[in-house]
């Protein structure tokens, strides 16, 4: 590496390290009593909880502009945040992405300078590390949204059976939902039904409350059940029977999804087998043969 370029990068790295250290300590000490904000929610990933002030600075300075610049991406992030039920905005996510991209890029510079690599390798490391840091917050949010949807999808059939049984016993829909919320363990689905129950208690129509819940969950099975309940109400059909039938349909959908995943398993196993198992098998088979041929002096014949 050219000595002048190396010295320039070393000075730049020293400045960035000192600046980020002082900035982080300043905001950590000054904002330690302000951790009661939205980022203190235990459901949030550590990438948001531990860097409240830094993310807030980037959010206020660049987050709004990035939201206007990347509208489609901002809408996708907002949808994932709604599915994960996180108290964040797309500007918060953009701020976290910028912060972690900067941190990872600085780490990449440090690593390459310690190895005394050439400038091209340093630039490549900056882009790769920065892109990795940029992806971490959004990937964590997507994973949380997927886990929450899976948890709700697993609990839906039992909850619908319990509500329909309570309605069969003589309770109305609101009382049946309250019975389920009060006598079930706290989970994402009970929280969603709790929101629906509050909407009903505030005077909202039952169909509107169920539609709002379907929009929050974004689960096709539950949306189909809501449509069936609305149609059954208009036609005068029994709601408890409609709920019971849809609960059985949800179980069939889950079984079909599990069967599809089981059928995909052999094809997915081909990749690790081809990468890890087959080379080992070839080594075990052909290396002894090659050693024996070499010891017999027949290598020159090939």
C-alpha atoms as a PDB file:
ATOM      1  CA  UNK A   1       0.000   0.000   0.000  1.00  0.00           C
ATOM      2  CA  UNK A   2       1.255   3.457  -0.798  1.00  0.00           C
ATOM      3  CA  UNK A   3       2.595   5.162   2.342  1.00  0.00           C
ATOM      4  CA  UNK A   4       0.763   8.462   1.759  1.00  0.00           C
ATOM      5  CA  UNK A   5      -2.583   6.744   1.208  1.00  0.00           C
ATOM      6  CA  UNK A   6      -2.003   4.605   4.270  1.00  0.00           C
ATOM      7  CA  UNK A   7      -1.262   7.657   6.428  1.00  0.00           C
ATOM      8  CA  UNK A   8      -4.337   9.455   5.091  1.00  0.00           C
ATOM      9  CA  UNK A   9      -6.581   6.520   5.909  1.00  0.00           C
ATOM     10  CA  UNK A  10      -4.980   6.172   9.341  1.00  0.00           C
ATOM     11  CA  UNK A  11      -5.671   9.835  10.133  1.00  0.00           C
ATOM     12  CA  UNK A  12      -9.231   9.512   8.866  1.00  0.00           C
ATOM     13  CA  UNK A  13      -9.737   6.422  10.990  1.00  0.00           C
ATOM     14  CA  UNK A  14      -8.310   8.119  14.071  1.00  0.00           C
ATOM     15  CA  UNK A  15     -10.632  11.087  13.595  1.00  0.00           C
ATOM     16  CA  UNK A  16     -13.708   8.892  13.098  1.00  0.00           C
ATOM     17  CA  UNK A  17     -12.846   6.710  16.092  1.00  0.00           C
ATOM     18  CA  UNK A  18     -12.337   9.672  18.411  1.00  0.00           C
ATOM     19  CA  UNK A  19     -15.444  11.448  17.081  1.00  0.00           C
ATOM     20  CA  UNK A  20     -17.725   8.429  17.450  1.00  0.00           C
ATOM     21  CA  UNK A  21     -16.324   7.608  20.897  1.00  0.00           C
ATOM     22  CA  UNK A  22     -16.838  11.122  22.250  1.00  0.00           C
ATOM     23  CA  UNK A  23     -20.258  11.419  20.599  1.00  0.00           C
ATOM     24  CA  UNK A  24     -21.411   8.076  21.935  1.00  0.00           C
ATOM     25  CA  UNK A  25     -20.217   8.769  25.478  1.00  0.00           C
ATOM     26  CA  UNK A  26     -21.788  12.216  25.454  1.00  0.00           C
ATOM     27  CA  UNK A  27     -25.211  11.053  24.397  1.00  0.00           C
ATOM     28  CA  UNK A  28     -25.079   7.919  26.538  1.00  0.00           C
ATOM     29  CA  UNK A  29     -24.363   9.918  29.685  1.00  0.00           C
ATOM     30  CA  UNK A  30     -26.761  12.773  28.872  1.00  0.00           C
ATOM     31  CA  UNK A  31     -29.572  10.497  27.739  1.00  0.00           C
ATOM     32  CA  UNK A  32     -29.309   7.751  30.314  1.00  0.00           C
ATOM     33  CA  UNK A  33     -32.337   9.119  32.139  1.00  0.00           C
ATOM     34  CA  UNK A  34     -34.290   9.349  28.889  1.00  0.00           C
ATOM     35  CA  UNK A  35     -34.319   5.629  28.181  1.00  0.00           C
ATOM     36  CA  UNK A  36     -38.028   5.481  28.862  1.00  0.00           C
ATOM     37  CA  UNK A  37     -38.787   6.371  25.248  1.00  0.00           C
ATOM     38  CA  UNK A  38     -39.968   4.150  22.454  1.00  0.00           C
ATOM     39  CA  UNK A  39     -36.615   2.432  22.039  1.00  0.00           C
ATOM     40  CA  UNK A  40     -36.747   1.011  25.597  1.00  0.00           C
ATOM     41  CA  UNK A  41     -39.454  -1.468  24.598  1.00  0.00           C
ATOM     42  CA  UNK A  42     -38.112  -4.973  25.405  1.00  0.00           C
ATOM     43  CA  UNK A  43     -39.583  -6.305  22.159  1.00  0.00           C
ATOM     44  CA  UNK A  44     -37.169  -4.209  20.114  1.00  0.00           C
ATOM     45  CA  UNK A  45     -33.900  -5.713  18.832  1.00  0.00           C
ATOM     46  CA  UNK A  46     -30.686  -4.664  20.552  1.00  0.00           C
ATOM     47  CA  UNK A  47     -29.750  -2.628  17.485  1.00  0.00           C
ATOM     48  CA  UNK A  48     -32.440  -0.131  18.538  1.00  0.00           C
ATOM     49  CA  UNK A  49     -32.435  -0.412  22.332  1.00  0.00           C
ATOM     50  CA  UNK A  50     -28.746   0.248  22.922  1.00  0.00           C
ATOM     51  CA  UNK A  51     -28.308   3.216  20.561  1.00  0.00           C
ATOM     52  CA  UNK A  52     -31.306   5.405  21.291  1.00  0.00           C
ATOM     53  CA  UNK A  53     -29.681   8.826  20.983  1.00  0.00           C
ATOM     54  CA  UNK A  54     -27.492   8.001  17.995  1.00  0.00           C
ATOM     55  CA  UNK A  55     -30.423   6.640  16.014  1.00  0.00           C
ATOM     56  CA  UNK A  56     -32.520   9.656  16.980  1.00  0.00           C
ATOM     57  CA  UNK A  57     -29.868  12.022  15.609  1.00  0.00           C
ATOM     58  CA  UNK A  58     -29.697  10.204  12.273  1.00  0.00           C
ATOM     59  CA  UNK A  59     -33.488   9.932  12.196  1.00  0.00           C
ATOM     60  CA  UNK A  60     -33.957  13.669  12.685  1.00  0.00           C
ATOM     61  CA  UNK A  61     -31.276  14.626  10.165  1.00  0.00           C
ATOM     62  CA  UNK A  62     -31.584  12.075   7.369  1.00  0.00           C
ATOM     63  CA  UNK A  63     -34.537   9.793   8.169  1.00  0.00           C
ATOM     64  CA  UNK A  64     -37.282  12.016   6.752  1.00  0.00           C
ATOM     65  CA  UNK A  65     -35.364  12.651   3.549  1.00  0.00           C
ATOM     66  CA  UNK A  66     -34.753   8.919   3.038  1.00  0.00           C
ATOM     67  CA  UNK A  67     -38.435   8.236   3.679  1.00  0.00           C
ATOM     68  CA  UNK A  68     -39.358  10.608   0.850  1.00  0.00           C
ATOM     69  CA  UNK A  69     -36.614   9.260  -1.408  1.00  0.00           C
ATOM     70  CA  UNK A  70     -37.384   5.550  -0.906  1.00  0.00           C
ATOM     71  CA  UNK A  71     -41.177   5.553  -0.750  1.00  0.00           C
ATOM     72  CA  UNK A  72     -41.728   1.895  -1.724  1.00  0.00           C
ATOM     73  CA  UNK A  73     -39.084   0.707   0.725  1.00  0.00           C
ATOM     74  CA  UNK A  74     -40.579   2.906   3.430  1.00  0.00           C
ATOM     75  CA  UNK A  75     -44.009   1.377   2.859  1.00  0.00           C
ATOM     76  CA  UNK A  76     -42.569  -2.139   3.076  1.00  0.00           C
ATOM     77  CA  UNK A  77     -40.804  -1.258   6.342  1.00  0.00           C
ATOM     78  CA  UNK A  78     -44.014   0.244   7.739  1.00  0.00           C
ATOM     79  CA  UNK A  79     -45.870  -2.972   6.863  1.00  0.00           C
ATOM     80  CA  UNK A  80     -43.250  -5.103   8.626  1.00  0.00           C
ATOM     81  CA  UNK A  81     -43.370  -2.831  11.675  1.00  0.00           C
ATOM     82  CA  UNK A  82     -47.153  -3.189  11.798  1.00  0.00           C
ATOM     83  CA  UNK A  83     -46.906  -6.973  11.565  1.00  0.00           C
ATOM     84  CA  UNK A  84     -44.273  -7.039  14.296  1.00  0.00           C
ATOM     85  CA  UNK A  85     -46.308  -4.567  16.434  1.00  0.00           C
ATOM     86  CA  UNK A  86     -43.229  -2.448  17.142  1.00  0.00           C
ATOM     87  CA  UNK A  87     -43.538   1.190  18.299  1.00  0.00           C
ATOM     88  CA  UNK A  88     -41.310   2.479  15.504  1.00  0.00           C
ATOM     89  CA  UNK A  89     -41.537   4.426  12.277  1.00  0.00           C
ATOM     90  CA  UNK A  90     -39.729   3.844   8.994  1.00  0.00           C
ATOM     91  CA  UNK A  91     -37.509   6.843   9.799  1.00  0.00           C
ATOM     92  CA  UNK A  92     -36.324   5.019  12.950  1.00  0.00           C
ATOM     93  CA  UNK A  93     -35.345   2.041  10.829  1.00  0.00           C
ATOM     94  CA  UNK A  94     -33.509   4.209   8.323  1.00  0.00           C
ATOM     95  CA  UNK A  95     -31.614   5.865  11.191  1.00  0.00           C
ATOM     96  CA  UNK A  96     -30.639   2.466  12.614  1.00  0.00           C
ATOM     97  CA  UNK A  97     -29.527   1.274   9.176  1.00  0.00           C
ATOM     98  CA  UNK A  98     -27.321   4.341   8.707  1.00  0.00           C
ATOM     99  CA  UNK A  99     -25.800   3.947  12.167  1.00  0.00           C
ATOM    100  CA  UNK A 100     -24.935   0.283  11.769  1.00  0.00           C
ATOM    101  CA  UNK A 101     -23.651   0.821   8.235  1.00  0.00           C
ATOM    102  CA  UNK A 102     -21.230   3.455   9.583  1.00  0.00           C
ATOM    103  CA  UNK A 103     -20.131   1.259  12.491  1.00  0.00           C
ATOM    104  CA  UNK A 104     -19.519  -1.769  10.306  1.00  0.00           C
ATOM    105  CA  UNK A 105     -17.687   0.322   7.703  1.00  0.00           C
ATOM    106  CA  UNK A 106     -15.360   1.686  10.386  1.00  0.00           C
ATOM    107  CA  UNK A 107     -14.727  -1.848  11.639  1.00  0.00           C
ATOM    108  CA  UNK A 108     -13.928  -2.914   8.078  1.00  0.00           C
ATOM    109  CA  UNK A 109     -11.416  -0.058   7.732  1.00  0.00           C
ATOM    110  CA  UNK A 110      -9.760  -1.021  11.027  1.00  0.00           C
ATOM    111  CA  UNK A 111      -9.495  -4.665  10.054  1.00  0.00           C
ATOM    112  CA  UNK A 112      -8.009  -3.937   6.625  1.00  0.00           C
ATOM    113  CA  UNK A 113      -5.539  -1.389   7.982  1.00  0.00           C
ATOM    114  CA  UNK A 114      -4.365  -3.821  10.630  1.00  0.00           C
ATOM    115  CA  UNK A 115      -3.682  -6.329   7.869  1.00  0.00           C
ATOM    116  CA  UNK A 116      -1.958  -3.586   5.803  1.00  0.00           C
ATOM    117  CA  UNK A 117      -3.998  -4.421   2.726  1.00  0.00           C
ATOM    118  CA  UNK A 118      -4.076  -2.427  -0.486  1.00  0.00           C
ATOM    119  CA  UNK A 119      -6.472   0.442  -1.111  1.00  0.00           C
ATOM    120  CA  UNK A 120      -8.742  -1.636  -3.343  1.00  0.00           C
ATOM    121  CA  UNK A 121      -9.227  -4.206  -0.569  1.00  0.00           C
ATOM    122  CA  UNK A 122      -9.935  -1.445   1.946  1.00  0.00           C
ATOM    123  CA  UNK A 123     -12.603   0.082  -0.309  1.00  0.00           C
ATOM    124  CA  UNK A 124     -14.156  -3.345  -0.920  1.00  0.00           C
ATOM    125  CA  UNK A 125     -14.216  -4.052   2.815  1.00  0.00           C
ATOM    126  CA  UNK A 126     -15.906  -0.682   3.448  1.00  0.00           C
ATOM    127  CA  UNK A 127     -18.695  -1.455   0.973  1.00  0.00           C
ATOM    128  CA  UNK A 128     -19.212  -5.054   2.132  1.00  0.00           C
ATOM    129  CA  UNK A 129     -19.157  -4.207   5.850  1.00  0.00           C
ATOM    130  CA  UNK A 130     -21.354  -1.142   5.366  1.00  0.00           C
ATOM    131  CA  UNK A 131     -23.897  -3.130   3.357  1.00  0.00           C
ATOM    132  CA  UNK A 132     -23.944  -5.820   6.052  1.00  0.00           C
ATOM    133  CA  UNK A 133     -24.578  -3.220   8.758  1.00  0.00           C
ATOM    134  CA  UNK A 134     -27.282  -1.635   6.590  1.00  0.00           C
ATOM    135  CA  UNK A 135     -29.159  -4.947   6.362  1.00  0.00           C
ATOM    136  CA  UNK A 136     -29.037  -5.959  10.034  1.00  0.00           C
ATOM    137  CA  UNK A 137     -31.893  -3.776  11.428  1.00  0.00           C
ATOM    138  CA  UNK A 138     -34.341  -4.517   8.613  1.00  0.00           C
ATOM    139  CA  UNK A 139     -33.585  -8.257   8.732  1.00  0.00           C
ATOM    140  CA  UNK A 140     -34.236  -8.302  12.463  1.00  0.00           C
ATOM    141  CA  UNK A 141     -37.563  -6.540  12.002  1.00  0.00           C
ATOM    142  CA  UNK A 142     -38.593  -8.951   9.241  1.00  0.00           C
ATOM    143  CA  UNK A 143     -37.709 -11.914  11.457  1.00  0.00           C
ATOM    144  CA  UNK A 144     -39.749 -10.494  14.339  1.00  0.00           C
ATOM    145  CA  UNK A 145     -42.722  -9.928  12.035  1.00  0.00           C
ATOM    146  CA  UNK A 146     -42.483 -13.484  10.689  1.00  0.00           C
ATOM    147  CA  UNK A 147     -42.192 -14.996  14.166  1.00  0.00           C
ATOM    148  CA  UNK A 148     -45.181 -13.014  15.405  1.00  0.00           C
ATOM    149  CA  UNK A 149     -47.302 -14.064  12.440  1.00  0.00           C
ATOM    150  CA  UNK A 150     -46.348 -17.716  12.948  1.00  0.00           C
ATOM    151  CA  UNK A 151     -47.218 -17.479  16.647  1.00  0.00           C
ATOM    152  CA  UNK A 152     -50.624 -15.981  15.855  1.00  0.00           C
ATOM    153  CA  UNK A 153     -51.274 -18.538  13.118  1.00  0.00           C
ATOM    154  CA  UNK A 154     -50.541 -21.407  15.531  1.00  0.00           C
ATOM    155  CA  UNK A 155     -52.835 -20.016  18.234  1.00  0.00           C
ATOM    156  CA  UNK A 156     -55.758 -19.044  16.001  1.00  0.00           C
ATOM    157  CA  UNK A 157     -57.639 -22.390  15.768  1.00  0.00           C
ATOM    158  CA  UNK A 158     -57.679 -22.902  19.559  1.00  0.00           C
ATOM    159  CA  UNK A 159     -58.750 -19.310  20.206  1.00  0.00           C
ATOM    160  CA  UNK A 160     -61.589 -19.514  17.676  1.00  0.00           C
ATOM    161  CA  UNK A 161     -62.759 -22.817  19.215  1.00  0.00           C
ATOM    162  CA  UNK A 162     -62.754 -21.280  22.689  1.00  0.00           C
ATOM    163  CA  UNK A 163     -64.671 -18.185  21.567  1.00  0.00           C
ATOM    164  CA  UNK A 164     -67.233 -20.276  19.663  1.00  0.00           C
ATOM    165  CA  UNK A 165     -67.674 -22.584  22.674  1.00  0.00           C
ATOM    166  CA  UNK A 166     -68.232 -19.593  24.930  1.00  0.00           C
ATOM    167  CA  UNK A 167     -70.821 -18.230  22.498  1.00  0.00           C
ATOM    168  CA  UNK A 168     -72.544 -21.627  22.386  1.00  0.00           C
ATOM    169  CA  UNK A 169     -72.723 -21.519  26.193  1.00  0.00           C
ATOM    170  CA  UNK A 170     -74.729 -18.298  25.998  1.00  0.00           C
ATOM    171  CA  UNK A 171     -72.215 -15.444  25.876  1.00  0.00           C
ATOM    172  CA  UNK A 172     -72.289 -12.799  23.207  1.00  0.00           C
ATOM    173  CA  UNK A 173     -69.276 -12.116  21.004  1.00  0.00           C
ATOM    174  CA  UNK A 174     -67.766  -9.370  23.191  1.00  0.00           C
ATOM    175  CA  UNK A 175     -68.131 -11.433  26.365  1.00  0.00           C
ATOM    176  CA  UNK A 176     -66.649 -14.491  24.630  1.00  0.00           C
ATOM    177  CA  UNK A 177     -63.629 -12.488  23.459  1.00  0.00           C
ATOM    178  CA  UNK A 178     -63.207 -11.071  26.991  1.00  0.00           C
ATOM    179  CA  UNK A 179     -63.355 -14.611  28.404  1.00  0.00           C
ATOM    180  CA  UNK A 180     -60.613 -15.732  26.006  1.00  0.00           C
ATOM    181  CA  UNK A 181     -58.379 -12.728  26.747  1.00  0.00           C
ATOM    182  CA  UNK A 182     -58.738 -13.055  30.522  1.00  0.00           C
ATOM    183  CA  UNK A 183     -58.270 -16.843  30.717  1.00  0.00           C
ATOM    184  CA  UNK A 184     -55.443 -17.315  28.203  1.00  0.00           C
ATOM    185  CA  UNK A 185     -51.716 -16.842  28.515  1.00  0.00           C
ATOM    186  CA  UNK A 186     -50.345 -13.556  27.251  1.00  0.00           C
ATOM    187  CA  UNK A 187     -49.312 -13.920  23.627  1.00  0.00           C
ATOM    188  CA  UNK A 188     -49.529 -11.810  20.441  1.00  0.00           C
ATOM    189  CA  UNK A 189     -52.989 -13.159  19.639  1.00  0.00           C
ATOM    190  CA  UNK A 190     -54.437 -12.288  23.057  1.00  0.00           C
ATOM    191  CA  UNK A 191     -52.993  -8.796  22.662  1.00  0.00           C
ATOM    192  CA  UNK A 192     -54.691  -8.414  19.284  1.00  0.00           C
ATOM    193  CA  UNK A 193     -58.000  -9.675  20.653  1.00  0.00           C
ATOM    194  CA  UNK A 194     -57.549  -7.256  23.546  1.00  0.00           C
ATOM    195  CA  UNK A 195     -57.296  -4.369  21.067  1.00  0.00           C
ATOM    196  CA  UNK A 196     -60.424  -5.640  19.314  1.00  0.00           C
ATOM    197  CA  UNK A 197     -62.220  -5.891  22.643  1.00  0.00           C
ATOM    198  CA  UNK A 198     -61.337  -2.276  23.468  1.00  0.00           C
ATOM    199  CA  UNK A 199     -62.702  -1.202  20.085  1.00  0.00           C
ATOM    200  CA  UNK A 200     -65.950  -3.022  20.833  1.00  0.00           C
ATOM    201  CA  UNK A 201     -66.184  -1.440  24.275  1.00  0.00           C
ATOM    202  CA  UNK A 202     -65.694   2.007  22.722  1.00  0.00           C
ATOM    203  CA  UNK A 203     -68.782   1.475  20.572  1.00  0.00           C
ATOM    204  CA  UNK A 204     -67.294   0.235  17.300  1.00  0.00           C
ATOM    205  CA  UNK A 205     -69.244  -2.209  15.175  1.00  0.00           C
ATOM    206  CA  UNK A 206     -68.236  -5.861  15.503  1.00  0.00           C
ATOM    207  CA  UNK A 207     -67.610  -6.193  11.773  1.00  0.00           C
ATOM    208  CA  UNK A 208     -65.448  -3.070  11.725  1.00  0.00           C
ATOM    209  CA  UNK A 209     -63.429  -4.286  14.707  1.00  0.00           C
ATOM    210  CA  UNK A 210     -62.826  -7.662  13.068  1.00  0.00           C
ATOM    211  CA  UNK A 211     -61.852  -5.996   9.776  1.00  0.00           C
ATOM    212  CA  UNK A 212     -59.365  -3.792  11.629  1.00  0.00           C
ATOM    213  CA  UNK A 213     -57.901  -6.860  13.329  1.00  0.00           C
ATOM    214  CA  UNK A 214     -57.612  -8.671   9.977  1.00  0.00           C
ATOM    215  CA  UNK A 215     -55.774  -5.660   8.546  1.00  0.00           C
ATOM    216  CA  UNK A 216     -53.328  -5.720  11.469  1.00  0.00           C
ATOM    217  CA  UNK A 217     -52.650  -9.464  11.251  1.00  0.00           C
ATOM    218  CA  UNK A 218     -52.471  -9.783   7.431  1.00  0.00           C
ATOM    219  CA  UNK A 219     -53.248 -13.514   7.678  1.00  0.00           C
ATOM    220  CA  UNK A 220     -55.333 -14.911   4.841  1.00  0.00           C
ATOM    221  CA  UNK A 221     -57.066 -17.538   6.977  1.00  0.00           C
ATOM    222  CA  UNK A 222     -58.241 -14.974   9.510  1.00  0.00           C
ATOM    223  CA  UNK A 223     -59.347 -12.590   6.773  1.00  0.00           C
ATOM    224  CA  UNK A 224     -61.427 -15.397   5.232  1.00  0.00           C
ATOM    225  CA  UNK A 225     -62.977 -16.087   8.623  1.00  0.00           C
ATOM    226  CA  UNK A 226     -63.876 -12.403   9.075  1.00  0.00           C
ATOM    227  CA  UNK A 227     -65.521 -12.330   5.649  1.00  0.00           C
ATOM    228  CA  UNK A 228     -67.461 -15.491   6.516  1.00  0.00           C
ATOM    229  CA  UNK A 229     -68.623 -13.985   9.824  1.00  0.00           C
ATOM    230  CA  UNK A 230     -69.760 -10.788   8.090  1.00  0.00           C
ATOM    231  CA  UNK A 231     -71.646 -12.711   5.421  1.00  0.00           C
ATOM    232  CA  UNK A 232     -73.174 -15.029   8.037  1.00  0.00           C
ATOM    233  CA  UNK A 233     -74.323 -12.044  10.087  1.00  0.00           C
ATOM    234  CA  UNK A 234     -76.011 -10.518   7.063  1.00  0.00           C
ATOM    235  CA  UNK A 235     -77.731 -13.830   6.243  1.00  0.00           C
ATOM    236  CA  UNK A 236     -78.727 -14.551   9.844  1.00  0.00           C
ATOM    237  CA  UNK A 237     -76.514 -17.627  10.278  1.00  0.00           C
ATOM    238  CA  UNK A 238     -75.118 -18.725  13.626  1.00  0.00           C
ATOM    239  CA  UNK A 239     -71.801 -17.014  14.355  1.00  0.00           C
ATOM    240  CA  UNK A 240     -70.584 -19.806  16.636  1.00  0.00           C
ATOM    241  CA  UNK A 241     -71.065 -22.414  13.890  1.00  0.00           C
ATOM    242  CA  UNK A 242     -69.279 -20.163  11.395  1.00  0.00           C
ATOM    243  CA  UNK A 243     -66.354 -19.755  13.788  1.00  0.00           C
ATOM    244  CA  UNK A 244     -66.139 -23.492  14.430  1.00  0.00           C
ATOM    245  CA  UNK A 245     -66.123 -24.316  10.720  1.00  0.00           C
ATOM    246  CA  UNK A 246     -63.421 -21.751  10.049  1.00  0.00           C
ATOM    247  CA  UNK A 247     -61.312 -23.082  12.918  1.00  0.00           C
ATOM    248  CA  UNK A 248     -61.350 -26.522  11.279  1.00  0.00           C
ATOM    249  CA  UNK A 249     -60.420 -24.912   7.977  1.00  0.00           C
ATOM    250  CA  UNK A 250     -57.472 -23.180   9.643  1.00  0.00           C
ATOM    251  CA  UNK A 251     -56.242 -26.512  10.974  1.00  0.00           C
ATOM    252  CA  UNK A 252     -56.451 -28.038   7.503  1.00  0.00           C
ATOM    253  CA  UNK A 253     -54.485 -25.128   6.097  1.00  0.00           C
ATOM    254  CA  UNK A 254     -51.782 -25.620   8.750  1.00  0.00           C
ATOM    255  CA  UNK A 255     -51.577 -29.340   8.001  1.00  0.00           C
ATOM    256  CA  UNK A 256     -51.307 -28.633   4.264  1.00  0.00           C
ATOM    257  CA  UNK A 257     -48.538 -26.086   4.892  1.00  0.00           C
ATOM    258  CA  UNK A 258     -46.650 -28.596   7.042  1.00  0.00           C
ATOM    259  CA  UNK A 259     -46.963 -31.229   4.312  1.00  0.00           C
ATOM    260  CA  UNK A 260     -45.603 -28.793   1.725  1.00  0.00           C
ATOM    261  CA  UNK A 261     -42.605 -28.052   3.927  1.00  0.00           C
ATOM    262  CA  UNK A 262     -42.002 -31.772   4.438  1.00  0.00           C
ATOM    263  CA  UNK A 263     -42.090 -32.360   0.688  1.00  0.00           C
ATOM    264  CA  UNK A 264     -39.516 -29.591   0.164  1.00  0.00           C
ATOM    265  CA  UNK A 265     -37.088 -31.108   2.669  1.00  0.00           C
ATOM    266  CA  UNK A 266     -35.390 -33.608   0.280  1.00  0.00           C
ATOM    267  CA  UNK A 267     -34.698 -30.923  -2.326  1.00  0.00           C
ATOM    268  CA  UNK A 268     -33.338 -28.554   0.329  1.00  0.00           C
ATOM    269  CA  UNK A 269     -31.069 -31.279   1.673  1.00  0.00           C
ATOM    270  CA  UNK A 270     -29.371 -31.614  -1.707  1.00  0.00           C
ATOM    271  CA  UNK A 271     -27.430 -28.356  -1.247  1.00  0.00           C
ATOM    272  CA  UNK A 272     -25.636 -29.277   2.028  1.00  0.00           C
ATOM    273  CA  UNK A 273     -25.112 -32.807   0.743  1.00  0.00           C
ATOM    274  CA  UNK A 274     -23.450 -31.552  -2.437  1.00  0.00           C
ATOM    275  CA  UNK A 275     -21.317 -29.017  -0.568  1.00  0.00           C
ATOM    276  CA  UNK A 276     -20.241 -30.950   2.517  1.00  0.00           C
ATOM    277  CA  UNK A 277     -21.104 -34.653   2.412  1.00  0.00           C
ATOM    278  CA  UNK A 278     -20.245 -35.658  -1.158  1.00  0.00           C
ATOM    279  CA  UNK A 279     -16.700 -34.165  -1.139  1.00  0.00           C
ATOM    280  CA  UNK A 280     -15.977 -36.055   2.075  1.00  0.00           C
ATOM    281  CA  UNK A 281     -17.253 -39.290   0.513  1.00  0.00           C
ATOM    282  CA  UNK A 282     -15.073 -38.784  -2.561  1.00  0.00           C
ATOM    283  CA  UNK A 283     -12.024 -38.097  -0.390  1.00  0.00           C
ATOM    284  CA  UNK A 284     -12.607 -41.245   1.667  1.00  0.00           C
ATOM    285  CA  UNK A 285     -13.029 -43.381  -1.472  1.00  0.00           C
ATOM    286  CA  UNK A 286     -10.385 -42.030  -3.844  1.00  0.00           C
ATOM    287  CA  UNK A 287      -7.531 -40.897  -1.561  1.00  0.00           C
ATOM    288  CA  UNK A 288      -6.618 -44.470  -0.440  1.00  0.00           C
ATOM    289  CA  UNK A 289      -6.754 -45.595  -4.051  1.00  0.00           C
ATOM    290  CA  UNK A 290      -4.479 -42.759  -5.121  1.00  0.00           C
ATOM    291  CA  UNK A 291      -2.002 -43.456  -2.297  1.00  0.00           C
ATOM    292  CA  UNK A 292      -1.849 -47.132  -3.179  1.00  0.00           C
ATOM    293  CA  UNK A 293      -1.314 -46.372  -6.853  1.00  0.00           C
ATOM    294  CA  UNK A 294       1.413 -43.872  -5.936  1.00  0.00           C
ATOM    295  CA  UNK A 295       3.212 -46.361  -3.681  1.00  0.00           C
ATOM    296  CA  UNK A 296       3.113 -49.020  -6.418  1.00  0.00           C
ATOM    297  CA  UNK A 297       4.913 -46.756  -8.895  1.00  0.00           C
ATOM    298  CA  UNK A 298       2.048 -46.684 -11.414  1.00  0.00           C
ATOM    299  CA  UNK A 299       1.473 -42.916 -11.234  1.00  0.00           C
ATOM    300  CA  UNK A 300       3.587 -42.335 -14.349  1.00  0.00           C
ATOM    301  CA  UNK A 301       1.273 -44.527 -16.398  1.00  0.00           C
ATOM    302  CA  UNK A 302      -1.601 -42.008 -16.071  1.00  0.00           C
END
